[in-house]
C-alpha atoms as a PDB file:
ATOM      1  CA  MET A   1     -80.239 -55.908  34.695  1.00  0.00           C
ATOM      2  CA  LEU A   2     -79.371 -59.587  34.994  1.00  0.00           C
ATOM      3  CA  PHE A   3     -76.766 -60.533  37.559  1.00  0.00           C
ATOM      4  CA  ARG A   4     -74.930 -63.840  37.648  1.00  0.00           C
ATOM      5  CA  GLN A   5     -77.291 -65.242  40.262  1.00  0.00           C
ATOM      6  CA  ASP A   6     -80.263 -64.380  38.037  1.00  0.00           C
ATOM      7  CA  ILE A   7     -78.748 -66.249  35.095  1.00  0.00           C
ATOM      8  CA  GLU A   8     -77.893 -69.224  37.290  1.00  0.00           C
ATOM      9  CA  LYS A   9     -81.446 -69.318  38.604  1.00  0.00           C
ATOM     10  CA  ARG A  10     -82.845 -69.105  35.077  1.00  0.00           C
ATOM     11  CA  GLU A  11     -80.645 -72.015  33.987  1.00  0.00           C
ATOM     12  CA  ILE A  12     -81.924 -74.144  36.870  1.00  0.00           C
ATOM     13  CA  GLU A  13     -85.541 -73.280  36.103  1.00  0.00           C
ATOM     14  CA  THR A  14     -85.513 -73.508  32.311  1.00  0.00           C
ATOM     15  CA  LEU A  15     -82.756 -75.848  31.070  1.00  0.00           C
ATOM     16  CA  ASP A  16     -83.339 -79.560  30.604  1.00  0.00           C
ATOM     17  CA  GLU A  17     -82.822 -81.605  33.752  1.00  0.00           C
ATOM     18  CA  ARG A  18     -79.839 -83.308  32.065  1.00  0.00           C
ATOM     19  CA  ALA A  19     -78.140 -80.013  31.234  1.00  0.00           C
ATOM     20  CA  CYS A  20     -75.115 -78.870  33.193  1.00  0.00           C
ATOM     21  CA  LYS A  21     -75.971 -75.778  35.248  1.00  0.00           C
ATOM     22  CA  SER A  22     -73.242 -73.261  35.925  1.00  0.00           C
ATOM     23  CA  ALA A  23     -74.302 -72.909  39.573  1.00  0.00           C
ATOM     24  CA  TYR A  24     -73.464 -76.585  40.070  1.00  0.00           C
ATOM     25  CA  THR A  25     -70.056 -76.599  38.389  1.00  0.00           C
ATOM     26  CA  ARG A  26     -67.446 -78.916  39.865  1.00  0.00           C
ATOM     27  CA  GLY A  27     -65.317 -75.816  40.185  1.00  0.00           C
ATOM     28  CA  ARG A  28     -61.830 -74.651  39.301  1.00  0.00           C
ATOM     29  CA  MET A  29     -58.412 -75.922  40.325  1.00  0.00           C
ATOM     30  CA  PHE A  30     -57.723 -72.625  42.113  1.00  0.00           C
ATOM     31  CA  ASP A  31     -60.458 -70.805  44.029  1.00  0.00           C
ATOM     32  CA  GLU A  32     -61.259 -67.297  42.886  1.00  0.00           C
ATOM     33  CA  PRO A  33     -64.064 -64.782  43.452  1.00  0.00           C
ATOM     34  CA  LYS A  34     -67.131 -65.152  41.252  1.00  0.00           C
ATOM     35  CA  ASP A  35     -68.048 -62.537  38.659  1.00  0.00           C
ATOM     36  CA  GLU A  36     -70.890 -60.128  39.255  1.00  0.00           C
ATOM     37  CA  VAL A  37     -72.660 -60.629  35.908  1.00  0.00           C
ATOM     38  CA  ARG A  38     -71.126 -63.628  34.146  1.00  0.00           C
ATOM     39  CA  THR A  39     -71.579 -67.295  35.007  1.00  0.00           C
ATOM     40  CA  GLU A  40     -68.531 -69.538  35.408  1.00  0.00           C
ATOM     41  CA  PHE A  41     -68.947 -70.991  31.912  1.00  0.00           C
ATOM     42  CA  GLN A  42     -69.312 -67.536  30.366  1.00  0.00           C
ATOM     43  CA  ARG A  43     -66.054 -66.530  32.014  1.00  0.00           C
ATOM     44  CA  ASP A  44     -64.335 -69.617  30.608  1.00  0.00           C
ATOM     45  CA  ARG A  45     -65.552 -68.804  27.114  1.00  0.00           C
ATOM     46  CA  ASP A  46     -64.274 -65.238  27.414  1.00  0.00           C
ATOM     47  CA  ARG A  47     -60.872 -66.320  28.704  1.00  0.00           C
ATOM     48  CA  ILE A  48     -60.448 -68.632  25.733  1.00  0.00           C
ATOM     49  CA  ILE A  49     -61.475 -66.000  23.176  1.00  0.00           C
ATOM     50  CA  HIS A  50     -59.031 -63.461  24.622  1.00  0.00           C
ATOM     51  CA  SER A  51     -56.107 -65.909  24.744  1.00  0.00           C
ATOM     52  CA  LYS A  52     -53.059 -65.757  22.490  1.00  0.00           C
ATOM     53  CA  SER A  53     -53.531 -69.414  21.582  1.00  0.00           C
ATOM     54  CA  PHE A  54     -56.991 -68.679  20.215  1.00  0.00           C
ATOM     55  CA  ARG A  55     -55.709 -65.829  18.056  1.00  0.00           C
ATOM     56  CA  ARG A  56     -52.947 -68.006  16.651  1.00  0.00           C
ATOM     57  CA  LEU A  57     -55.495 -70.480  15.269  1.00  0.00           C
ATOM     58  CA  MET A  58     -56.107 -68.132  12.332  1.00  0.00           C
ATOM     59  CA  HIS A  59     -52.629 -68.933  11.001  1.00  0.00           C
ATOM     60  CA  LYS A  60     -52.669 -72.697  11.550  1.00  0.00           C
ATOM     61  CA  THR A  61     -53.395 -75.248   8.832  1.00  0.00           C
ATOM     62  CA  GLN A  62     -56.659 -77.161   8.805  1.00  0.00           C
ATOM     63  CA  VAL A  63     -56.052 -79.571   5.886  1.00  0.00           C
ATOM     64  CA  PHE A  64     -54.459 -77.766   2.950  1.00  0.00           C
ATOM     65  CA  LEU A  65     -50.825 -76.820   3.543  1.00  0.00           C
ATOM     66  CA  ALA A  66     -50.062 -73.215   2.507  1.00  0.00           C
ATOM     67  CA  PRO A  67     -53.268 -72.731   0.474  1.00  0.00           C
ATOM     68  CA  GLU A  68     -53.132 -69.915  -2.064  1.00  0.00           C
ATOM     69  CA  GLY A  69     -56.860 -69.181  -2.083  1.00  0.00           C
ATOM     70  CA  ASP A  70     -58.582 -66.895   0.406  1.00  0.00           C
ATOM     71  CA  HIS A  71     -61.462 -69.208   1.252  1.00  0.00           C
ATOM     72  CA  PHE A  72     -59.813 -72.368   2.542  1.00  0.00           C
ATOM     73  CA  ARG A  73     -60.499 -73.206   6.179  1.00  0.00           C
ATOM     74  CA  THR A  74     -57.965 -72.534   8.888  1.00  0.00           C
ATOM     75  CA  ARG A  75     -57.926 -73.977  12.375  1.00  0.00           C
ATOM     76  CA  LEU A  76     -59.772 -70.857  13.561  1.00  0.00           C
ATOM     77  CA  THR A  77     -62.605 -71.026  11.025  1.00  0.00           C
ATOM     78  CA  HIS A  78     -62.944 -74.740  11.807  1.00  0.00           C
ATOM     79  CA  THR A  79     -63.278 -73.870  15.496  1.00  0.00           C
ATOM     80  CA  LEU A  80     -65.976 -71.292  14.764  1.00  0.00           C
ATOM     81  CA  GLU A  81     -67.922 -73.757  12.617  1.00  0.00           C
ATOM     82  CA  VAL A  82     -67.761 -76.365  15.382  1.00  0.00           C
ATOM     83  CA  SER A  83     -69.028 -73.764  17.840  1.00  0.00           C
ATOM     84  CA  GLN A  84     -71.948 -72.829  15.592  1.00  0.00           C
ATOM     85  CA  ILE A  85     -73.009 -76.444  15.036  1.00  0.00           C
ATOM     86  CA  ALA A  86     -72.616 -77.349  18.691  1.00  0.00           C
ATOM     87  CA  ARG A  87     -74.631 -74.355  19.893  1.00  0.00           C
ATOM     88  CA  THR A  88     -77.441 -75.180  17.472  1.00  0.00           C
ATOM     89  CA  ILE A  89     -77.662 -78.695  18.891  1.00  0.00           C
ATOM     90  CA  ALA A  90     -77.411 -77.508  22.499  1.00  0.00           C
ATOM     91  CA  ARG A  91     -80.128 -74.911  22.013  1.00  0.00           C
ATOM     92  CA  ALA A  92     -82.513 -77.370  20.390  1.00  0.00           C
ATOM     93  CA  LEU A  93     -81.995 -79.875  23.214  1.00  0.00           C
ATOM     94  CA  ASN A  94     -82.237 -77.096  25.834  1.00  0.00           C
ATOM     95  CA  TYR A  95     -78.754 -77.735  27.201  1.00  0.00           C
ATOM     96  CA  ASN A  96     -76.212 -75.184  28.377  1.00  0.00           C
ATOM     97  CA  GLU A  97     -75.070 -73.125  25.372  1.00  0.00           C
ATOM     98  CA  ASP A  98     -72.393 -71.243  27.296  1.00  0.00           C
ATOM     99  CA  LEU A  99     -70.671 -74.440  28.388  1.00  0.00           C
ATOM    100  CA  THR A 100     -71.011 -75.906  24.901  1.00  0.00           C
ATOM    101  CA  GLU A 101     -69.516 -72.803  23.312  1.00  0.00           C
ATOM    102  CA  ALA A 102     -66.597 -72.650  25.749  1.00  0.00           C
ATOM    103  CA  ILE A 103     -65.631 -76.254  25.042  1.00  0.00           C
ATOM    104  CA  ALA A 104     -65.971 -75.785  21.285  1.00  0.00           C
ATOM    105  CA  LEU A 105     -63.851 -72.633  21.223  1.00  0.00           C
ATOM    106  CA  GLY A 106     -61.104 -74.276  23.277  1.00  0.00           C
ATOM    107  CA  HIS A 107     -61.025 -77.762  21.803  1.00  0.00           C
ATOM    108  CA  ASP A 108     -58.188 -77.191  19.290  1.00  0.00           C
ATOM    109  CA  LEU A 109     -55.991 -74.683  21.153  1.00  0.00           C
ATOM    110  CA  GLY A 110     -53.178 -77.226  21.338  1.00  0.00           C
ATOM    111  CA  HIS A 111     -52.990 -77.991  17.634  1.00  0.00           C
ATOM    112  CA  THR A 112     -49.586 -77.848  16.013  1.00  0.00           C
ATOM    113  CA  PRO A 113     -48.536 -75.866  12.960  1.00  0.00           C
ATOM    114  CA  PHE A 114     -49.165 -77.708   9.660  1.00  0.00           C
ATOM    115  CA  GLY A 115     -52.261 -79.491  10.934  1.00  0.00           C
ATOM    116  CA  HIS A 116     -52.287 -83.198  11.727  1.00  0.00           C
ATOM    117  CA  ASN A 117     -49.026 -83.612   9.819  1.00  0.00           C
ATOM    118  CA  GLY A 118     -47.278 -81.466  12.403  1.00  0.00           C
ATOM    119  CA  GLU A 119     -48.990 -83.469  15.122  1.00  0.00           C
ATOM    120  CA  GLU A 120     -47.715 -86.734  13.641  1.00  0.00           C
ATOM    121  CA  VAL A 121     -44.129 -85.449  13.579  1.00  0.00           C
ATOM    122  CA  LEU A 122     -44.222 -84.287  17.214  1.00  0.00           C
ATOM    123  CA  ASN A 123     -45.869 -87.547  18.219  1.00  0.00           C
ATOM    124  CA  LYS A 124     -42.975 -89.387  16.624  1.00  0.00           C
ATOM    125  CA  ILE A 125     -40.089 -87.377  18.070  1.00  0.00           C
ATOM    126  CA  HIS A 126     -41.325 -86.226  21.494  1.00  0.00           C
ATOM    127  CA  PRO A 127     -40.844 -88.651  24.418  1.00  0.00           C
ATOM    128  CA  GLY A 128     -44.261 -89.888  25.480  1.00  0.00           C
ATOM    129  CA  GLY A 129     -45.821 -88.855  22.176  1.00  0.00           C
ATOM    130  CA  PHE A 130     -48.080 -85.939  21.312  1.00  0.00           C
ATOM    131  CA  HIS A 131     -51.856 -85.626  20.988  1.00  0.00           C
ATOM    132  CA  HIS A 132     -53.472 -82.280  20.267  1.00  0.00           C
ATOM    133  CA  ASN A 133     -56.392 -82.785  22.659  1.00  0.00           C
ATOM    134  CA  VAL A 134     -53.991 -83.426  25.547  1.00  0.00           C
ATOM    135  CA  GLN A 135     -51.952 -80.388  24.489  1.00  0.00           C
ATOM    136  CA  SER A 136     -55.130 -78.289  24.338  1.00  0.00           C
ATOM    137  CA  LEU A 137     -55.733 -79.122  27.988  1.00  0.00           C
ATOM    138  CA  ARG A 138     -52.119 -78.230  28.782  1.00  0.00           C
ATOM    139  CA  VAL A 139     -52.596 -74.880  27.054  1.00  0.00           C
ATOM    140  CA  VAL A 140     -55.514 -73.926  29.284  1.00  0.00           C
ATOM    141  CA  ASP A 141     -54.046 -75.505  32.429  1.00  0.00           C
ATOM    142  CA  VAL A 142     -50.451 -74.302  32.151  1.00  0.00           C
ATOM    143  CA  LEU A 143     -49.422 -72.220  29.168  1.00  0.00           C
ATOM    144  CA  GLU A 144     -52.077 -69.489  29.084  1.00  0.00           C
ATOM    145  CA  GLY A 145     -53.562 -67.459  31.850  1.00  0.00           C
ATOM    146  CA  SER A 146     -53.954 -64.232  33.736  1.00  0.00           C
ATOM    147  CA  HIS A 147     -52.949 -65.361  37.210  1.00  0.00           C
ATOM    148  CA  HIS A 148     -49.490 -63.813  36.858  1.00  0.00           C
ATOM    149  CA  ARG A 149     -47.899 -67.108  37.821  1.00  0.00           C
ATOM    150  CA  VAL A 150     -46.369 -69.447  35.264  1.00  0.00           C
ATOM    151  CA  GLY A 151     -48.114 -72.800  35.322  1.00  0.00           C
ATOM    152  CA  CYS A 152     -51.523 -71.716  36.641  1.00  0.00           C
ATOM    153  CA  GLY A 153     -53.140 -71.433  33.227  1.00  0.00           C
ATOM    154  CA  MET A 154     -56.610 -70.031  32.630  1.00  0.00           C
ATOM    155  CA  ASN A 155     -58.004 -71.861  35.654  1.00  0.00           C
ATOM    156  CA  LEU A 156     -61.058 -73.118  33.757  1.00  0.00           C
ATOM    157  CA  THR A 157     -63.901 -75.123  35.228  1.00  0.00           C
ATOM    158  CA  ALA A 158     -63.732 -78.908  35.363  1.00  0.00           C
ATOM    159  CA  GLU A 159     -66.559 -79.234  32.825  1.00  0.00           C
ATOM    160  CA  VAL A 160     -64.786 -77.180  30.160  1.00  0.00           C
ATOM    161  CA  ARG A 161     -61.435 -78.872  30.779  1.00  0.00           C
ATOM    162  CA  ASP A 162     -63.027 -82.308  30.479  1.00  0.00           C
ATOM    163  CA  GLY A 163     -64.824 -81.371  27.260  1.00  0.00           C
ATOM    164  CA  ILE A 164     -61.595 -80.075  25.712  1.00  0.00           C
ATOM    165  CA  VAL A 165     -59.441 -83.123  26.461  1.00  0.00           C
ATOM    166  CA  ASN A 166     -62.185 -85.595  25.532  1.00  0.00           C
ATOM    167  CA  HIS A 167     -63.435 -83.931  22.339  1.00  0.00           C
ATOM    168  CA  THR A 168     -61.625 -86.765  20.558  1.00  0.00           C
ATOM    169  CA  GLY A 169     -60.295 -90.108  21.706  1.00  0.00           C
ATOM    170  CA  PRO A 170     -61.794 -93.120  23.504  1.00  0.00           C
ATOM    171  CA  ASN A 171     -63.384 -91.365  26.485  1.00  0.00           C
ATOM    172  CA  ASP A 172     -66.726 -89.572  26.428  1.00  0.00           C
ATOM    173  CA  PRO A 173     -66.963 -86.182  28.160  1.00  0.00           C
ATOM    174  CA  PHE A 174     -68.935 -86.431  31.395  1.00  0.00           C
ATOM    175  CA  THR A 175     -71.287 -83.604  30.350  1.00  0.00           C
ATOM    176  CA  LEU A 176     -73.769 -83.871  27.510  1.00  0.00           C
ATOM    177  CA  GLU A 177     -72.534 -80.479  26.339  1.00  0.00           C
ATOM    178  CA  GLY A 178     -69.063 -81.965  25.916  1.00  0.00           C
ATOM    179  CA  GLN A 179     -70.533 -84.889  23.997  1.00  0.00           C
ATOM    180  CA  ILE A 180     -72.261 -82.416  21.689  1.00  0.00           C
ATOM    181  CA  VAL A 181     -68.903 -80.822  20.831  1.00  0.00           C
ATOM    182  CA  HIS A 182     -67.397 -84.257  20.201  1.00  0.00           C
ATOM    183  CA  LEU A 183     -69.975 -84.929  17.471  1.00  0.00           C
ATOM    184  CA  ALA A 184     -70.089 -81.342  16.198  1.00  0.00           C
ATOM    185  CA  ASP A 185     -66.335 -81.464  15.587  1.00  0.00           C
ATOM    186  CA  ARG A 186     -66.717 -84.469  13.309  1.00  0.00           C
ATOM    187  CA  ILE A 187     -69.754 -83.048  11.516  1.00  0.00           C
ATOM    188  CA  ALA A 188     -67.901 -79.789  10.897  1.00  0.00           C
ATOM    189  CA  TYR A 189     -64.580 -81.080   9.622  1.00  0.00           C
ATOM    190  CA  ILE A 190     -65.943 -83.776   7.341  1.00  0.00           C
ATOM    191  CA  ASN A 191     -68.282 -81.340   5.621  1.00  0.00           C
ATOM    192  CA  HIS A 192     -66.060 -78.280   5.384  1.00  0.00           C
ATOM    193  CA  ASP A 193     -63.188 -80.453   4.176  1.00  0.00           C
ATOM    194  CA  ILE A 194     -65.450 -81.744   1.387  1.00  0.00           C
ATOM    195  CA  ASP A 195     -66.204 -78.128   0.516  1.00  0.00           C
ATOM    196  CA  ASP A 196     -62.501 -77.216   0.383  1.00  0.00           C
ATOM    197  CA  ALA A 197     -61.622 -80.358  -1.571  1.00  0.00           C
ATOM    198  CA  LEU A 198     -64.289 -79.575  -4.181  1.00  0.00           C
ATOM    199  CA  ARG A 199     -63.088 -75.961  -4.450  1.00  0.00           C
ATOM    200  CA  SER A 200     -59.496 -77.061  -4.945  1.00  0.00           C
ATOM    201  CA  GLY A 201     -60.366 -79.711  -7.536  1.00  0.00           C
ATOM    202  CA  VAL A 202     -58.926 -82.531  -5.454  1.00  0.00           C
ATOM    203  CA  ILE A 203     -62.260 -84.320  -5.779  1.00  0.00           C
ATOM    204  CA  ASP A 204     -65.242 -83.852  -8.064  1.00  0.00           C
ATOM    205  CA  PHE A 205     -68.858 -83.883  -6.933  1.00  0.00           C
ATOM    206  CA  LYS A 206     -69.399 -87.193  -8.708  1.00  0.00           C
ATOM    207  CA  ASP A 207     -66.690 -88.744  -6.508  1.00  0.00           C
ATOM    208  CA  ILE A 208     -68.715 -88.280  -3.305  1.00  0.00           C
ATOM    209  CA  PRO A 209     -70.406 -91.568  -2.333  1.00  0.00           C
ATOM    210  CA  GLU A 210     -73.933 -91.700  -3.716  1.00  0.00           C
ATOM    211  CA  SER A 211     -75.210 -93.226  -0.488  1.00  0.00           C
ATOM    212  CA  SER A 212     -74.000 -90.141   1.425  1.00  0.00           C
ATOM    213  CA  ILE A 213     -75.683 -87.763  -1.017  1.00  0.00           C
ATOM    214  CA  GLU A 214     -78.930 -89.715  -0.803  1.00  0.00           C
ATOM    215  CA  LEU A 215     -78.973 -89.718   3.005  1.00  0.00           C
ATOM    216  CA  PHE A 216     -77.423 -86.350   3.871  1.00  0.00           C
ATOM    217  CA  GLY A 217     -78.146 -84.196   0.815  1.00  0.00           C
ATOM    218  CA  SER A 218     -76.200 -82.858  -2.130  1.00  0.00           C
ATOM    219  CA  SER A 219     -75.016 -79.497  -0.765  1.00  0.00           C
ATOM    220  CA  HIS A 220     -72.810 -78.394   2.122  1.00  0.00           C
ATOM    221  CA  ARG A 221     -75.782 -76.712   3.765  1.00  0.00           C
ATOM    222  CA  ALA A 222     -78.061 -79.737   3.339  1.00  0.00           C
ATOM    223  CA  ARG A 223     -75.510 -82.203   4.714  1.00  0.00           C
ATOM    224  CA  ILE A 224     -74.877 -80.224   7.887  1.00  0.00           C
ATOM    225  CA  ASN A 225     -78.583 -79.584   8.409  1.00  0.00           C
ATOM    226  CA  SER A 226     -79.431 -83.281   8.018  1.00  0.00           C
ATOM    227  CA  LEU A 227     -76.678 -84.393  10.384  1.00  0.00           C
ATOM    228  CA  VAL A 228     -77.562 -81.798  13.022  1.00  0.00           C
ATOM    229  CA  ILE A 229     -81.273 -82.629  12.966  1.00  0.00           C
ATOM    230  CA  ASP A 230     -80.464 -86.337  13.231  1.00  0.00           C
ATOM    231  CA  VAL A 231     -78.357 -85.732  16.352  1.00  0.00           C
ATOM    232  CA  ILE A 232     -81.101 -83.609  17.929  1.00  0.00           C
ATOM    233  CA  LYS A 233     -83.878 -86.117  17.243  1.00  0.00           C
ATOM    234  CA  ASN A 234     -81.869 -89.112  18.417  1.00  0.00           C
ATOM    235  CA  SER A 235     -80.500 -87.440  21.559  1.00  0.00           C
ATOM    236  CA  GLU A 236     -83.710 -85.906  22.872  1.00  0.00           C
ATOM    237  CA  GLY A 237     -84.608 -87.318  26.268  1.00  0.00           C
ATOM    238  CA  LYS A 238     -81.522 -89.525  26.433  1.00  0.00           C
ATOM    239  CA  ASP A 239     -78.494 -89.539  28.707  1.00  0.00           C
ATOM    240  CA  LYS A 240     -76.123 -89.646  25.740  1.00  0.00           C
ATOM    241  CA  ILE A 241     -75.642 -87.568  22.595  1.00  0.00           C
ATOM    242  CA  CYS A 242     -75.905 -89.859  19.614  1.00  0.00           C
ATOM    243  CA  GLN A 243     -76.762 -90.315  15.949  1.00  0.00           C
ATOM    244  CA  SER A 244     -79.190 -92.741  14.416  1.00  0.00           C
ATOM    245  CA  PRO A 245     -77.520 -96.044  13.382  1.00  0.00           C
ATOM    246  CA  ALA A 246     -77.999 -95.240   9.690  1.00  0.00           C
ATOM    247  CA  PHE A 247     -76.475 -91.762   9.968  1.00  0.00           C
ATOM    248  CA  LYS A 248     -73.554 -92.959  12.078  1.00  0.00           C
ATOM    249  CA  LYS A 249     -72.769 -95.760   9.640  1.00  0.00           C
ATOM    250  CA  GLU A 250     -72.933 -93.437   6.642  1.00  0.00           C
ATOM    251  CA  MET A 251     -70.867 -90.709   8.299  1.00  0.00           C
ATOM    252  CA  ASP A 252     -68.195 -93.287   9.110  1.00  0.00           C
ATOM    253  CA  HIS A 253     -68.293 -94.326   5.454  1.00  0.00           C
ATOM    254  CA  LEU A 254     -67.945 -90.697   4.321  1.00  0.00           C
ATOM    255  CA  ARG A 255     -65.057 -90.174   6.747  1.00  0.00           C
ATOM    256  CA  LYS A 256     -63.219 -93.180   5.277  1.00  0.00           C
ATOM    257  CA  PHE A 257     -63.793 -91.730   1.813  1.00  0.00           C
ATOM    258  CA  MET A 258     -62.243 -88.440   2.933  1.00  0.00           C
ATOM    259  CA  PHE A 259     -59.172 -90.162   4.357  1.00  0.00           C
ATOM    260  CA  ALA A 260     -58.661 -92.149   1.182  1.00  0.00           C
ATOM    261  CA  ASN A 261     -59.349 -89.345  -1.288  1.00  0.00           C
ATOM    262  CA  VAL A 262     -58.478 -86.080   0.500  1.00  0.00           C
ATOM    263  CA  TYR A 263     -56.492 -86.404   3.734  1.00  0.00           C
ATOM    264  CA  LYS A 264     -54.066 -88.904   2.175  1.00  0.00           C
ATOM    265  CA  ASN A 265     -54.327 -87.527  -1.363  1.00  0.00           C
ATOM    266  CA  SER A 266     -50.941 -86.868  -2.963  1.00  0.00           C
ATOM    267  CA  GLN A 267     -52.210 -83.542  -4.372  1.00  0.00           C
ATOM    268  CA  VAL A 268     -53.102 -82.291  -0.915  1.00  0.00           C
ATOM    269  CA  LYS A 269     -50.210 -83.849   0.974  1.00  0.00           C
ATOM    270  CA  ARG A 270     -47.348 -84.148  -1.477  1.00  0.00           C
ATOM    271  CA  ASP A 271     -44.431 -86.186  -0.228  1.00  0.00           C
ATOM    272  CA  GLU A 272     -42.030 -83.291  -0.655  1.00  0.00           C
ATOM    273  CA  ASP A 273     -44.287 -81.021   1.415  1.00  0.00           C
ATOM    274  CA  LEU A 274     -44.629 -83.636   4.154  1.00  0.00           C
ATOM    275  CA  ASN A 275     -40.875 -84.070   4.178  1.00  0.00           C
ATOM    276  CA  LYS A 276     -40.478 -80.315   4.526  1.00  0.00           C
ATOM    277  CA  VAL A 277     -42.920 -80.257   7.453  1.00  0.00           C
ATOM    278  CA  GLU A 278     -40.946 -82.984   9.198  1.00  0.00           C
ATOM    279  CA  THR A 279     -37.659 -81.224   8.475  1.00  0.00           C
ATOM    280  CA  VAL A 280     -38.913 -77.927   9.911  1.00  0.00           C
ATOM    281  CA  ILE A 281     -40.441 -79.371  13.089  1.00  0.00           C
ATOM    282  CA  ARG A 282     -37.679 -81.882  13.766  1.00  0.00           C
ATOM    283  CA  SER A 283     -34.961 -79.256  13.192  1.00  0.00           C
ATOM    284  CA  LEU A 284     -36.624 -76.721  15.503  1.00  0.00           C
ATOM    285  CA  TYR A 285     -37.235 -79.362  18.165  1.00  0.00           C
ATOM    286  CA  GLU A 286     -33.620 -80.531  18.160  1.00  0.00           C
ATOM    287  CA  TYR A 287     -32.266 -76.974  18.038  1.00  0.00           C
ATOM    288  CA  TYR A 288     -34.151 -75.815  21.124  1.00  0.00           C
ATOM    289  CA  LEU A 289     -33.352 -79.032  22.973  1.00  0.00           C
ATOM    290  CA  ASP A 290     -29.707 -78.115  22.506  1.00  0.00           C
ATOM    291  CA  ASN A 291     -30.296 -74.407  23.198  1.00  0.00           C
ATOM    292  CA  PRO A 292     -33.011 -74.122  25.886  1.00  0.00           C
ATOM    293  CA  GLY A 293     -31.652 -70.750  26.914  1.00  0.00           C
ATOM    294  CA  LEU A 294     -33.057 -69.322  23.674  1.00  0.00           C
ATOM    295  CA  LEU A 295     -36.631 -70.236  24.559  1.00  0.00           C
ATOM    296  CA  PRO A 296     -38.958 -67.365  25.548  1.00  0.00           C
ATOM    297  CA  ASP A 297     -38.790 -66.412  29.224  1.00  0.00           C
ATOM    298  CA  ASP A 298     -42.027 -68.126  30.264  1.00  0.00           C
ATOM    299  CA  LEU A 299     -41.029 -71.372  28.582  1.00  0.00           C
ATOM    300  CA  ARG A 300     -37.611 -71.293  30.215  1.00  0.00           C
ATOM    301  CA  GLU A 301     -39.431 -71.238  33.547  1.00  0.00           C
ATOM    302  CA  ILE A 302     -41.546 -74.188  32.423  1.00  0.00           C
ATOM    303  CA  SER A 303     -38.432 -76.073  31.302  1.00  0.00           C
ATOM    304  CA  GLU A 304     -37.006 -75.762  34.810  1.00  0.00           C
ATOM    305  CA  ARG A 305     -40.168 -77.229  36.267  1.00  0.00           C
ATOM    306  CA  ASP A 306     -41.340 -79.749  33.652  1.00  0.00           C
ATOM    307  CA  GLY A 307     -38.145 -80.459  31.729  1.00  0.00           C
ATOM    308  CA  VAL A 308     -36.565 -79.040  28.591  1.00  0.00           C
ATOM    309  CA  ALA A 309     -38.261 -81.479  26.183  1.00  0.00           C
ATOM    310  CA  GLU A 310     -41.708 -80.565  27.499  1.00  0.00           C
ATOM    311  CA  ALA A 311     -41.046 -76.834  27.146  1.00  0.00           C
ATOM    312  CA  VAL A 312     -39.648 -77.272  23.626  1.00  0.00           C
ATOM    313  CA  LYS A 313     -42.713 -79.282  22.637  1.00  0.00           C
ATOM    314  CA  ASP A 314     -44.944 -76.560  24.081  1.00  0.00           C
ATOM    315  CA  TYR A 315     -43.106 -73.869  22.133  1.00  0.00           C
ATOM    316  CA  ILE A 316     -43.254 -75.662  18.783  1.00  0.00           C
ATOM    317  CA  ALA A 317     -46.864 -76.809  19.183  1.00  0.00           C
ATOM    318  CA  GLY A 318     -47.874 -73.211  19.839  1.00  0.00           C
ATOM    319  CA  MET A 319     -46.260 -71.868  16.670  1.00  0.00           C
ATOM    320  CA  THR A 320     -48.296 -70.807  13.661  1.00  0.00           C
ATOM    321  CA  ASP A 321     -47.318 -72.194  10.264  1.00  0.00           C
ATOM    322  CA  ARG A 322     -45.661 -68.982   9.175  1.00  0.00           C
ATOM    323  CA  PHE A 323     -43.826 -68.411  12.473  1.00  0.00           C
ATOM    324  CA  ALA A 324     -42.423 -71.950  12.343  1.00  0.00           C
ATOM    325  CA  LEU A 325     -41.230 -71.353   8.779  1.00  0.00           C
ATOM    326  CA  SER A 326     -39.729 -67.951   9.543  1.00  0.00           C
ATOM    327  CA  THR A 327     -37.977 -69.272  12.655  1.00  0.00           C
ATOM    328  CA  TYR A 328     -36.571 -72.190  10.684  1.00  0.00           C
ATOM    329  CA  THR A 329     -35.366 -69.790   7.976  1.00  0.00           C
ATOM    330  CA  ASP A 330     -33.690 -67.535  10.515  1.00  0.00           C
ATOM    331  CA  LEU A 331     -31.926 -70.439  12.193  1.00  0.00           C
ATOM    332  CA  PHE A 332     -30.961 -72.695   9.299  1.00  0.00           C
ATOM    333  CA  VAL A 333     -31.026 -70.830   5.959  1.00  0.00           C
ATOM    334  CA  PRO A 334     -27.809 -68.902   5.193  1.00  0.00           C
ATOM    335  CA  LYS A 335     -28.266 -65.158   4.829  1.00  0.00           C
ATOM    336  CA  GLY A 336     -26.615 -63.178   2.053  1.00  0.00           C
ATOM    337  CA  TRP A 337     -23.995 -60.531   2.745  1.00  0.00           C
ATOM    338  CA  LYS A 338     -25.279 -56.976   2.850  1.00  0.00           C
END
């Protein structure tokens, strides 16, 4: 039987010297007894998987609003793909897979309903703006948890919290495992969004830049494999996770293609749908600002501590697409007489 101390010792003896070892974590915000069999990073991963916010990801939009097919990605399947890619890279580089997995599974917990469109609306109407990576950190620090006290959150380790908030944006995570997730996130979404766009007919295979096909490969599997191997080869023995200059330049080019032809495509994001998203989120936001007493009990407590606007933002950001729509319908659509 392996106890926690055995796993910690094995990490110290076998992982790369640059890897983050769970025995040397910077710790948690609130002290708590250690687990008998699980390391600190394993516990963080488990707390995220068992959270309500993680379960709600299955009903949150990735790119396509209200897709009718069964095989389009959701925020949950995106998260799982990021985790798989990140763990592959971490294992090949001999870094800490448990830490990598925990960060990957938690990186999008703060995403709004209706994908980045919902994020843009909240960013526009909420004082101080809204960014999903910052909200993801707030989810694990404040909104979720098992400490039986509102505001204590999951009490995750500093390494996981840092990786979550810095998985996007200008700052690099301070662990190499966090940097792996940062790149794995981009590798995952660019490639699975191409897959969904091809399936939906928004783009045709011949539309994909030839230079990207030549460098990365012609299939979904080949592209991910090429990008992952490039990261591994160019990060080995270095103090930073990176791509080769050619791969980074081409992936940036492919990302620009996706923004121009998919993310901003009028078939995917029709103006009337975007207007509906804004109407739903803005209406709910304003309604609960005026009626904070109708917020759930835990969010009413948060409103007393952090302010009504913050609690309303937390409530709406945590909604799934269908819950936001059903709540809007209940509040604003007239009901027929029975």
